[in-house]
C-alpha atoms as a PDB file:
ATOM      1  CA  MET A   1     109.204 110.321 125.551  1.00  0.00           C
ATOM      2  CA  ARG A   2     109.708 112.234 122.203  1.00  0.00           C
ATOM      3  CA  LYS A   3     112.989 110.517 122.059  1.00  0.00           C
ATOM      4  CA  LEU A   4     111.580 107.058 123.320  1.00  0.00           C
ATOM      5  CA  VAL A   5     108.738 107.333 120.105  1.00  0.00           C
ATOM      6  CA  LEU A   6     111.608 108.785 117.027  1.00  0.00           C
ATOM      7  CA  ARG A   7     113.577 106.048 118.475  1.00  0.00           C
ATOM      8  CA  LYS A   8     110.756 103.329 118.006  1.00  0.00           C
ATOM      9  CA  LEU A   9     109.958 104.905 114.374  1.00  0.00           C
ATOM     10  CA  VAL A  10     113.262 105.053 113.013  1.00  0.00           C
ATOM     11  CA  LEU A  11     114.051 101.702 114.326  1.00  0.00           C
ATOM     12  CA  ALA A  12     110.661 100.467 112.694  1.00  0.00           C
ATOM     13  CA  LEU A  13     111.616 101.560 109.195  1.00  0.00           C
ATOM     14  CA  ALA A  14     115.449  99.737 109.830  1.00  0.00           C
ATOM     15  CA  LEU A  15     113.898  96.796 110.641  1.00  0.00           C
ATOM     16  CA  ALA A  16     111.117  96.755 108.101  1.00  0.00           C
ATOM     17  CA  GLY A  17     112.363  95.874 105.168  1.00  0.00           C
ATOM     18  CA  PRO A  18     113.796  92.153 106.822  1.00  0.00           C
ATOM     19  CA  VAL A  19     110.816  91.860 109.075  1.00  0.00           C
ATOM     20  CA  LEU A  20     108.236  91.908 106.244  1.00  0.00           C
ATOM     21  CA  ALA A  21     110.435  89.346 103.834  1.00  0.00           C
ATOM     22  CA  GLY A  22     109.822  86.919 106.807  1.00  0.00           C
ATOM     23  CA  LEU A  23     106.878  87.054 107.664  1.00  0.00           C
ATOM     24  CA  PRO A  24     103.565  84.545 106.038  1.00  0.00           C
ATOM     25  CA  HIS A  25     100.993  85.931 103.721  1.00  0.00           C
ATOM     26  CA  ALA A  26      98.731  85.350 107.321  1.00  0.00           C
ATOM     27  CA  ALA A  27     100.396  87.579 109.218  1.00  0.00           C
ATOM     28  CA  LEU A  28      99.790  90.439 107.057  1.00  0.00           C
ATOM     29  CA  ALA A  29      96.116  89.503 105.902  1.00  0.00           C
ATOM     30  CA  GLU A  30      94.845  91.829 108.946  1.00  0.00           C
ATOM     31  CA  LYS A  31      92.761  94.961 108.391  1.00  0.00           C
ATOM     32  CA  ILE A  32      94.056  98.375 109.320  1.00  0.00           C
ATOM     33  CA  ASP A  33      91.637 101.008 109.640  1.00  0.00           C
ATOM     34  CA  LEU A  34      93.162 103.969 110.003  1.00  0.00           C
ATOM     35  CA  SER A  35      89.638 106.253 110.085  1.00  0.00           C
ATOM     36  CA  THR A  36      89.148 104.913 113.623  1.00  0.00           C
ATOM     37  CA  THR A  37      92.884 104.576 114.408  1.00  0.00           C
ATOM     38  CA  THR A  38      93.814 107.605 117.556  1.00  0.00           C
ATOM     39  CA  CYS A  39      97.881 108.444 117.486  1.00  0.00           C
ATOM     40  CA  GLY A  40      98.190 106.406 120.711  1.00  0.00           C
ATOM     41  CA  GLN A  41      97.107 102.815 118.582  1.00  0.00           C
ATOM     42  CA  PHE A  42      99.398 103.948 116.202  1.00  0.00           C
ATOM     43  CA  LEU A  43     102.260 104.126 118.821  1.00  0.00           C
ATOM     44  CA  GLU A  44     101.166 101.511 120.679  1.00  0.00           C
ATOM     45  CA  SER A  45     101.068  98.604 117.460  1.00  0.00           C
ATOM     46  CA  ASP A  46     103.530  96.479 116.567  1.00  0.00           C
ATOM     47  CA  LYS A  47     106.492  97.859 114.289  1.00  0.00           C
ATOM     48  CA  THR A  48     105.361  96.159 111.706  1.00  0.00           C
ATOM     49  CA  GLU A  49     101.947  97.858 111.509  1.00  0.00           C
ATOM     50  CA  ILE A  50     104.000 100.999 112.426  1.00  0.00           C
ATOM     51  CA  MET A  51     106.346 100.876 108.950  1.00  0.00           C
ATOM     52  CA  LEU A  52     102.804  99.205 106.752  1.00  0.00           C
ATOM     53  CA  THR A  53     100.719 102.606 108.261  1.00  0.00           C
ATOM     54  CA  LEU A  54     103.941 105.011 107.634  1.00  0.00           C
ATOM     55  CA  ALA A  55     104.794 103.520 103.965  1.00  0.00           C
ATOM     56  CA  TRP A  56     100.761 104.440 103.262  1.00  0.00           C
ATOM     57  CA  LEU A  57     100.995 107.627 104.612  1.00  0.00           C
ATOM     58  CA  ASP A  58     104.077 108.225 102.644  1.00  0.00           C
ATOM     59  CA  ALA A  59     102.369 107.474  99.443  1.00  0.00           C
ATOM     60  CA  TYR A  60      98.690 109.557  99.838  1.00  0.00           C
ATOM     61  CA  TYR A  61      99.647 112.236 101.286  1.00  0.00           C
ATOM     62  CA  LYS A  62     102.318 112.789  97.902  1.00  0.00           C
ATOM     63  CA  ASP A  63     101.023 115.574  94.464  1.00  0.00           C
ATOM     64  CA  VAL A  64      98.791 113.655  92.376  1.00  0.00           C
ATOM     65  CA  ASP A  65     101.536 113.897  89.759  1.00  0.00           C
ATOM     66  CA  ALA A  66     105.108 113.331  91.435  1.00  0.00           C
ATOM     67  CA  PRO A  67     107.076 110.990  90.413  1.00  0.00           C
ATOM     68  CA  PRO A  68     107.010 106.924  92.255  1.00  0.00           C
ATOM     69  CA  VAL A  69     110.307 107.606  94.189  1.00  0.00           C
ATOM     70  CA  ILE A  70     110.939 107.292  98.037  1.00  0.00           C
ATOM     71  CA  ASP A  71     113.108 109.833  99.242  1.00  0.00           C
ATOM     72  CA  THR A  72     114.341 107.984 102.917  1.00  0.00           C
ATOM     73  CA  ASP A  73     115.735 111.123 103.950  1.00  0.00           C
ATOM     74  CA  LYS A  74     111.765 113.586 103.213  1.00  0.00           C
ATOM     75  CA  PHE A  75     110.883 109.609 104.896  1.00  0.00           C
ATOM     76  CA  ILE A  76     112.125 109.714 108.266  1.00  0.00           C
ATOM     77  CA  GLU A  77     112.062 113.315 108.945  1.00  0.00           C
ATOM     78  CA  ASN A  78     108.546 113.057 108.983  1.00  0.00           C
ATOM     79  CA  ALA A  79     108.380 109.794 110.861  1.00  0.00           C
ATOM     80  CA  GLY A  80     109.722 111.740 113.580  1.00  0.00           C
ATOM     81  CA  LYS A  81     107.088 114.380 113.188  1.00  0.00           C
ATOM     82  CA  LEU A  82     104.161 112.297 113.647  1.00  0.00           C
ATOM     83  CA  GLY A  83     105.552 110.390 116.144  1.00  0.00           C
ATOM     84  CA  GLU A  84     105.998 113.613 117.856  1.00  0.00           C
ATOM     85  CA  TYR A  85     102.613 114.925 117.053  1.00  0.00           C
ATOM     86  CA  CYS A  86     101.508 111.634 118.429  1.00  0.00           C
ATOM     87  CA  ALA A  87     103.163 111.377 121.557  1.00  0.00           C
ATOM     88  CA  ALA A  88     101.594 114.702 122.362  1.00  0.00           C
ATOM     89  CA  ASN A  89      98.668 113.860 121.065  1.00  0.00           C
ATOM     90  CA  PRO A  90      97.322 110.179 122.110  1.00  0.00           C
ATOM     91  CA  THR A  91      93.825 111.011 121.872  1.00  0.00           C
ATOM     92  CA  ILE A  92      93.494 113.129 118.387  1.00  0.00           C
ATOM     93  CA  GLY A  93      92.788 110.349 115.114  1.00  0.00           C
ATOM     94  CA  LEU A  94      95.979 109.320 113.701  1.00  0.00           C
ATOM     95  CA  ILE A  95      94.439 110.166 109.735  1.00  0.00           C
ATOM     96  CA  THR A  96      93.443 114.125 111.250  1.00  0.00           C
ATOM     97  CA  ALA A  97      96.898 114.028 112.531  1.00  0.00           C
ATOM     98  CA  ALA A  98      98.231 113.827 108.879  1.00  0.00           C
ATOM     99  CA  ASN A  99      96.388 116.158 107.882  1.00  0.00           C
ATOM    100  CA  GLU A 100      97.761 118.446 110.107  1.00  0.00           C
ATOM    101  CA  LEU A 101     100.996 118.136 109.641  1.00  0.00           C
ATOM    102  CA  PHE A 102     101.022 116.488 106.293  1.00  0.00           C
ATOM    103  CA  GLY A 103      98.356 117.766 103.836  1.00  0.00           C
ATOM    104  CA  GLU A 104      97.181 120.815 102.081  1.00  0.00           C
END
């Protein structure tokens, strides 16, 4: 199960650029309420929503004074950690999981 989750997250990362570039604006108009999203719902999301959520979480958990740099190795590592945690805890809130893994 963990390998499948990690594979899904890595695939989402690899496809994010072309997927986002090819979507019409209306497809991205949906609001995603991360405060009510569970780990299970996150893992069942489509690739675009997973990618958007991972990018948002990456930025949110950076230090305020951090330079505007995306460390892709760290991004993929953190996506894997979150995927594994969420696979093991599907009823936990996504933000609760992210706080536990990446919060102070």
